Amino acid sequence: MRIMEWQLQDAKNQFSKVVQKARDEGPQVVTVRGQRAAVVLSAREYDALRAGRPTLVDDLLSGPAWDDALSEVVSDRSRTPSREVAF
C-alpha cells in the first residue's frame, strides 16, 4: 500500500485521480501548508473502520436504565415552566 501526499490545490485539480488512487493504492493524504489536513479513503476502507462501532443513536439508547424512583420523579414533575415570568 502506497500512501501518497497531495497538496490541497493539486488534490482539487486532480480529484478523480486522488479518488482512484485511494481505491487502488490506499489512503491519500491531503496537506494544507505542509500539514496533514485530510485523508481520502476508499469506501471499503471506511466501512472497515466503522464496522462494529456503535452509532450515536446506539450510544444514546444503551445508556443506563432508569430505576423506579427516577421514573416516578420524571412522571410526577410539574407540567408548568419552573421559572416565573416577570411582566
C-alpha atoms as a PDB file:
ATOM      1  CA  MET A   1       0.000   0.000   0.000  1.00  0.00           C
ATOM      2  CA  ARG A   2       1.466   3.328  -1.070  1.00  0.00           C
ATOM      3  CA  ILE A   3       0.216   6.369   0.812  1.00  0.00           C
ATOM      4  CA  MET A   4       0.685   9.499  -1.231  1.00  0.00           C
ATOM      5  CA  GLU A   5       0.558  13.119  -0.098  1.00  0.00           C
ATOM      6  CA  TRP A   6      -1.215  15.755  -2.152  1.00  0.00           C
ATOM      7  CA  GLN A   7      -1.123  19.491  -1.682  1.00  0.00           C
ATOM      8  CA  LEU A   8      -4.676  20.805  -1.457  1.00  0.00           C
ATOM      9  CA  GLN A   9      -4.556  22.636  -4.788  1.00  0.00           C
ATOM     10  CA  ASP A  10      -3.237  19.509  -6.565  1.00  0.00           C
ATOM     11  CA  ALA A  11      -5.874  17.336  -4.891  1.00  0.00           C
ATOM     12  CA  LYS A  12      -8.607  19.742  -6.035  1.00  0.00           C
ATOM     13  CA  ASN A  13      -7.292  19.828  -9.597  1.00  0.00           C
ATOM     14  CA  GLN A  14      -6.891  16.048  -9.797  1.00  0.00           C
ATOM     15  CA  PHE A  15      -9.678  14.874  -7.511  1.00  0.00           C
ATOM     16  CA  SER A  16     -10.720  11.942  -9.708  1.00  0.00           C
ATOM     17  CA  LYS A  17      -7.108  10.723  -9.657  1.00  0.00           C
ATOM     18  CA  VAL A  18      -6.940  11.085  -5.866  1.00  0.00           C
ATOM     19  CA  VAL A  19     -10.124   9.013  -5.513  1.00  0.00           C
ATOM     20  CA  GLN A  20      -8.897   6.366  -7.960  1.00  0.00           C
ATOM     21  CA  LYS A  21      -5.572   6.044  -6.105  1.00  0.00           C
ATOM     22  CA  ALA A  22      -7.446   5.776  -2.795  1.00  0.00           C
ATOM     23  CA  ARG A  23      -9.438   2.887  -4.263  1.00  0.00           C
ATOM     24  CA  ASP A  24      -6.453   1.143  -5.869  1.00  0.00           C
ATOM     25  CA  GLU A  25      -3.472   2.015  -3.673  1.00  0.00           C
ATOM     26  CA  GLY A  26      -4.770   3.046  -0.262  1.00  0.00           C
ATOM     27  CA  PRO A  27      -5.317   6.239   1.727  1.00  0.00           C
ATOM     28  CA  GLN A  28      -4.305   9.529   0.141  1.00  0.00           C
ATOM     29  CA  VAL A  29      -3.206  12.359   2.438  1.00  0.00           C
ATOM     30  CA  VAL A  30      -4.135  15.946   1.589  1.00  0.00           C
ATOM     31  CA  THR A  31      -1.951  18.666   3.075  1.00  0.00           C
ATOM     32  CA  VAL A  32      -2.519  22.369   3.670  1.00  0.00           C
ATOM     33  CA  ARG A  33       0.662  24.432   4.050  1.00  0.00           C
ATOM     34  CA  GLY A  34       2.615  21.228   4.567  1.00  0.00           C
ATOM     35  CA  GLN A  35       0.395  19.960   7.393  1.00  0.00           C
ATOM     36  CA  ARG A  36      -1.832  16.893   7.113  1.00  0.00           C
ATOM     37  CA  ALA A  37      -5.404  18.133   6.783  1.00  0.00           C
ATOM     38  CA  ALA A  38      -7.468  15.235   5.440  1.00  0.00           C
ATOM     39  CA  VAL A  39      -7.261  11.644   4.294  1.00  0.00           C
ATOM     40  CA  VAL A  40      -9.184  10.268   1.328  1.00  0.00           C
ATOM     41  CA  LEU A  41     -10.151   6.618   1.864  1.00  0.00           C
ATOM     42  CA  SER A  42     -11.893   4.113  -0.328  1.00  0.00           C
ATOM     43  CA  ALA A  43     -15.448   3.304   0.733  1.00  0.00           C
ATOM     44  CA  ARG A  44     -14.312  -0.228   1.572  1.00  0.00           C
ATOM     45  CA  GLU A  45     -11.601   1.057   3.940  1.00  0.00           C
ATOM     46  CA  TYR A  46     -14.016   3.495   5.539  1.00  0.00           C
ATOM     47  CA  ASP A  47     -16.610   0.754   6.060  1.00  0.00           C
ATOM     48  CA  ALA A  48     -13.942  -1.460   7.650  1.00  0.00           C
ATOM     49  CA  LEU A  49     -13.053   1.350  10.075  1.00  0.00           C
ATOM     50  CA  ARG A  50     -16.706   1.853  11.026  1.00  0.00           C
ATOM     51  CA  ALA A  51     -17.562  -1.848  11.315  1.00  0.00           C
ATOM     52  CA  GLY A  52     -18.749  -2.800  14.760  1.00  0.00           C
ATOM     53  CA  ARG A  53     -18.723   0.756  16.085  1.00  0.00           C
ATOM     54  CA  PRO A  54     -21.985   1.913  17.602  1.00  0.00           C
ATOM     55  CA  THR A  55     -23.801   4.884  16.138  1.00  0.00           C
ATOM     56  CA  LEU A  56     -24.803   7.912  18.194  1.00  0.00           C
ATOM     57  CA  VAL A  57     -28.341   6.512  18.410  1.00  0.00           C
ATOM     58  CA  ASP A  58     -26.970   3.191  19.698  1.00  0.00           C
ATOM     59  CA  ASP A  59     -24.951   5.057  22.340  1.00  0.00           C
ATOM     60  CA  LEU A  60     -27.961   7.089  23.476  1.00  0.00           C
ATOM     61  CA  LEU A  61     -30.271   4.089  23.644  1.00  0.00           C
ATOM     62  CA  SER A  62     -27.756   1.973  25.534  1.00  0.00           C
ATOM     63  CA  GLY A  63     -27.470   4.403  28.441  1.00  0.00           C
ATOM     64  CA  PRO A  64     -28.231   3.319  31.976  1.00  0.00           C
ATOM     65  CA  ALA A  65     -31.764   2.190  32.675  1.00  0.00           C
ATOM     66  CA  TRP A  66     -33.935   4.437  34.777  1.00  0.00           C
ATOM     67  CA  ASP A  67     -34.740   2.996  38.155  1.00  0.00           C
ATOM     68  CA  ASP A  68     -38.276   3.211  39.530  1.00  0.00           C
ATOM     69  CA  ALA A  69     -37.541   6.240  41.715  1.00  0.00           C
ATOM     70  CA  LEU A  70     -36.200   8.315  38.800  1.00  0.00           C
ATOM     71  CA  SER A  71     -39.089   7.273  36.558  1.00  0.00           C
ATOM     72  CA  GLU A  72     -41.545   8.347  39.246  1.00  0.00           C
ATOM     73  CA  VAL A  73     -39.890  11.754  39.714  1.00  0.00           C
ATOM     74  CA  VAL A  74     -39.915  12.424  35.968  1.00  0.00           C
ATOM     75  CA  SER A  75     -43.527  11.292  35.608  1.00  0.00           C
ATOM     76  CA  ASP A  76     -44.739  13.340  38.569  1.00  0.00           C
ATOM     77  CA  ARG A  77     -42.927  16.575  37.734  1.00  0.00           C
ATOM     78  CA  SER A  78     -44.915  19.724  37.191  1.00  0.00           C
ATOM     79  CA  ARG A  79     -46.005  20.354  33.610  1.00  0.00           C
ATOM     80  CA  THR A  80     -45.708  24.126  34.071  1.00  0.00           C
ATOM     81  CA  PRO A  81     -42.453  26.000  33.489  1.00  0.00           C
ATOM     82  CA  SER A  82     -40.183  26.067  36.518  1.00  0.00           C
ATOM     83  CA  ARG A  83     -39.280  29.752  36.060  1.00  0.00           C
ATOM     84  CA  GLU A  84     -41.571  32.594  36.979  1.00  0.00           C
ATOM     85  CA  VAL A  85     -42.330  35.006  34.172  1.00  0.00           C
ATOM     86  CA  ALA A  86     -41.975  38.665  35.147  1.00  0.00           C
ATOM     87  CA  PHE A  87     -44.119  41.191  33.332  1.00  0.00           C
END
